[in-house]
């Protein structure tokens, strides 16, 4: 399940990054409450990070990953390892596209009716896979995607991907087991 929240319209752009960061953690707390998982102490006391920054909870009651951008915050909570990325649609400079994507991936994006959207989706796929593995940017060039769409094709064994275009943002979840991407919008302002 991916929990999502949108920044209030009146929030100044200078405050968005802090709102996104805080809301990602608030969405995790909401997910834990809804699953009936009580943590001993505060969320922050139970939040740990692996050697390359992958977050986890002490005692590992669930797997989660948080992402934010474009005025949205998201938190994926699953029963298996998970990676999540959310990116606002952007224009990729040729140098970044060359560094981040294989020639086949760049060709896949160029053949799309929306090359910038395709490159943004490719980015979310790669980043969600890096977050799933916990290896970080080290494996950016090693990941090869063969197709895009709702279920992007990645030849890596034991990995499942699902993407959604959320009006101006791409969201991709990567899991270590088959799953169905479920979205739950939460208004945390109340």
Protein backbone atom coordinates (compact mmCIF):
# COMPACT_ATOMS: atom_id res chain seq x y z
CA UNK A 1 0.00 0.00 0.00
CA UNK A 2 1.26 3.48 -0.85
CA UNK A 3 0.02 6.31 1.35
CA UNK A 4 0.02 9.72 -0.34
CA UNK A 5 -0.60 13.31 0.68
CA UNK A 6 -0.57 16.55 -1.29
CA UNK A 7 0.85 19.79 0.06
CA UNK A 8 -1.70 22.50 0.85
CA UNK A 9 -2.12 24.99 -2.01
CA UNK A 10 -1.30 27.93 0.29
CA UNK A 11 2.05 26.44 1.37
CA UNK A 12 4.89 28.65 0.10
CA UNK A 13 7.38 26.87 -2.20
CA UNK A 14 10.18 27.54 0.31
CA UNK A 15 8.35 25.41 2.91
CA UNK A 16 7.47 22.47 0.63
CA UNK A 17 10.62 20.41 1.11
CA UNK A 18 10.22 20.44 4.92
CA UNK A 19 6.50 19.65 4.57
CA UNK A 20 7.25 16.72 2.22
CA UNK A 21 9.88 15.30 4.60
CA UNK A 22 7.67 15.58 7.72
CA UNK A 23 4.61 14.26 5.89
CA UNK A 24 6.48 11.17 4.64
CA UNK A 25 7.13 10.20 8.26
CA UNK A 26 3.57 11.09 9.28
CA UNK A 27 2.30 8.76 6.53
CA UNK A 28 4.51 5.97 7.92
CA UNK A 29 3.05 6.55 11.40
CA UNK A 30 -0.47 6.43 9.92
CA UNK A 31 0.29 3.16 8.12
CA UNK A 32 1.66 1.59 11.30
CA UNK A 33 -1.43 2.67 13.28
CA UNK A 34 -3.75 1.27 10.61
CA UNK A 35 -1.90 -2.05 10.72
CA UNK A 36 -2.18 -2.13 14.50
CA UNK A 37 1.57 -1.98 14.97
CA UNK A 38 2.58 -0.15 18.11
CA UNK A 39 6.21 0.85 18.42
CA UNK A 40 7.91 1.09 21.80
CA UNK A 41 8.45 4.83 22.04
CA UNK A 42 8.36 7.43 19.29
CA UNK A 43 8.78 6.69 15.59
CA UNK A 44 12.10 8.54 15.49
CA UNK A 45 13.49 6.32 18.29
CA UNK A 46 12.69 3.21 16.21
CA UNK A 47 13.90 4.51 12.85
CA UNK A 48 17.25 3.08 11.76
CA UNK A 49 19.33 3.33 8.59
CA UNK A 50 21.39 0.71 6.76
CA UNK A 51 24.98 1.31 5.61
CA UNK A 52 23.84 3.16 2.47
CA UNK A 53 20.91 4.98 4.08
CA UNK A 54 18.03 2.54 3.55
CA UNK A 55 15.56 3.15 6.40
CA UNK A 56 14.09 0.38 8.52
CA UNK A 57 12.33 -0.02 11.85
CA UNK A 58 13.84 -1.77 14.87
CA UNK A 59 12.34 -5.24 15.05
CA UNK A 60 11.33 -4.90 11.37
CA UNK A 61 7.53 -5.26 11.77
CA UNK A 62 7.02 -4.09 8.16
CA UNK A 63 9.07 -2.93 5.21
CA UNK A 64 8.66 0.67 4.11
CA UNK A 65 10.12 3.35 1.92
CA UNK A 66 9.39 7.07 1.71
CA UNK A 67 9.66 9.43 -1.23
CA UNK A 68 8.56 12.98 -1.93
CA UNK A 69 8.62 15.64 -4.61
CA UNK A 70 6.43 17.94 -6.62
CA UNK A 71 4.38 18.87 -3.56
CA UNK A 72 3.57 15.22 -2.77
CA UNK A 73 4.74 12.87 -0.05
CA UNK A 74 4.44 9.09 -0.30
CA UNK A 75 5.16 6.11 1.93
CA UNK A 76 5.02 2.51 0.71
CA UNK A 77 4.40 -0.11 3.41
CA UNK A 78 4.59 -3.79 2.47
CA UNK A 79 5.20 -7.24 3.94
CA UNK A 80 8.31 -7.68 1.76
CA UNK A 81 11.28 -5.45 0.89
CA UNK A 82 10.14 -2.34 -0.99
CA UNK A 83 11.55 0.68 -2.80
CA UNK A 84 9.55 3.75 -3.79
CA UNK A 85 10.27 6.82 -5.85
CA UNK A 86 8.14 9.83 -6.68
CA UNK A 87 9.35 12.51 -9.09
CA UNK A 88 7.77 15.57 -10.63
CA UNK A 89 7.85 15.53 -14.41
CA UNK A 90 11.07 17.13 -15.56
CA UNK A 91 13.15 17.75 -18.61
CA UNK A 92 16.34 15.71 -18.69
CA UNK A 93 19.51 17.32 -19.93
CA UNK A 94 21.37 15.11 -22.42
CA UNK A 95 24.39 14.76 -20.09
CA UNK A 96 22.25 13.46 -17.22
CA UNK A 97 20.28 11.15 -19.51
CA UNK A 98 23.55 9.75 -20.86
CA UNK A 99 24.91 9.15 -17.36
CA UNK A 100 21.69 7.71 -15.87
CA UNK A 101 20.24 5.66 -18.71
CA UNK A 102 21.55 2.99 -21.06
CA UNK A 103 21.46 3.64 -24.82
CA UNK A 104 18.49 1.25 -25.09
CA UNK A 105 16.63 3.15 -22.35
CA UNK A 106 17.31 6.49 -24.00
CA UNK A 107 16.02 5.06 -27.27
CA UNK A 108 12.92 3.76 -25.47
CA UNK A 109 12.24 7.27 -24.17
CA UNK A 110 12.92 8.94 -27.53
CA UNK A 111 10.37 6.60 -29.18
CA UNK A 112 7.72 7.65 -26.65
CA UNK A 113 5.14 10.32 -27.52
CA UNK A 114 6.28 12.02 -24.28
CA UNK A 115 10.09 11.65 -24.00
CA UNK A 116 10.35 13.74 -20.79
CA UNK A 117 7.58 11.70 -19.17
CA UNK A 118 9.29 8.47 -20.24
CA UNK A 119 12.65 9.62 -18.85
CA UNK A 120 11.00 10.67 -15.58
CA UNK A 121 9.31 7.26 -15.32
CA UNK A 122 12.63 5.52 -16.09
CA UNK A 123 14.25 7.55 -13.32
CA UNK A 124 11.55 6.53 -10.80
CA UNK A 125 11.96 2.89 -11.83
CA UNK A 126 15.71 2.97 -11.35
CA UNK A 127 15.55 4.86 -8.08
CA UNK A 128 12.86 2.58 -6.65
CA UNK A 129 15.04 -0.43 -7.56
CA UNK A 130 18.06 1.16 -5.86
CA UNK A 131 15.97 1.85 -2.77
CA UNK A 132 14.66 -1.72 -2.82
CA UNK A 133 18.17 -3.18 -2.82
CA UNK A 134 19.59 -0.57 -0.45
CA UNK A 135 22.65 -0.17 -2.70
CA UNK A 136 21.99 3.45 -3.61
CA UNK A 137 23.36 5.22 -6.67
CA UNK A 138 26.09 2.60 -7.09
CA UNK A 139 23.81 0.46 -9.24
CA UNK A 140 22.25 3.22 -11.38
CA UNK A 141 24.01 2.16 -14.60
CA UNK A 142 23.67 -1.55 -13.85
CA UNK A 143 19.88 -1.54 -13.90
CA UNK A 144 18.40 -2.01 -17.36
CA UNK A 145 14.70 -1.53 -18.06
CA UNK A 146 13.25 -3.13 -21.17
CA UNK A 147 9.83 -1.46 -21.33
CA UNK A 148 7.70 1.16 -19.63
CA UNK A 149 3.98 1.42 -18.87
CA UNK A 150 2.07 0.37 -15.80
CA UNK A 151 4.34 -2.66 -15.25
CA UNK A 152 7.84 -1.72 -16.47
CA UNK A 153 9.93 -4.73 -17.46
CA UNK A 154 13.16 -5.30 -15.56
CA UNK A 155 15.08 -8.53 -16.27
CA UNK A 156 16.34 -8.75 -12.68
CA UNK A 157 15.01 -11.90 -11.02
CA UNK A 158 12.82 -11.47 -7.95
CA UNK A 159 11.80 -7.88 -8.71
CA UNK A 160 8.37 -6.52 -9.55
CA UNK A 161 7.62 -2.93 -10.59
CA UNK A 162 4.46 -0.90 -10.94
CA UNK A 163 4.22 2.77 -11.99
CA UNK A 164 1.53 5.43 -12.02
CA UNK A 165 1.37 8.89 -13.54
CA UNK A 166 -0.15 11.15 -10.89
CA UNK A 167 -0.91 14.26 -12.97
CA UNK A 168 2.52 15.79 -13.24
CA UNK A 169 4.44 13.25 -11.14
CA UNK A 170 5.57 9.68 -11.71
CA UNK A 171 5.40 7.16 -8.85
CA UNK A 172 7.04 3.73 -9.06
CA UNK A 173 7.06 1.00 -6.43
CA UNK A 174 9.50 -1.91 -6.59
CA UNK A 175 8.95 -5.03 -4.48
CA UNK A 176 10.73 -8.30 -3.83
CA UNK A 177 7.44 -10.21 -4.28
CA UNK A 178 4.45 -9.82 -6.61
CA UNK A 179 2.10 -7.05 -5.48
CA UNK A 180 -0.70 -4.79 -6.63
CA UNK A 181 -0.02 -1.09 -6.29
CA UNK A 182 -2.74 0.33 -4.07
CA UNK A 183 -2.91 4.07 -3.41
CA UNK A 184 -4.44 5.62 -0.31
CA UNK A 185 -4.70 9.40 -0.23
CA UNK A 186 -4.53 10.87 3.27
CA UNK A 187 -5.34 14.41 4.33
CA UNK A 188 -3.08 14.94 7.34
CA UNK A 189 -3.99 18.60 7.84
CA UNK A 190 -6.91 17.81 10.15
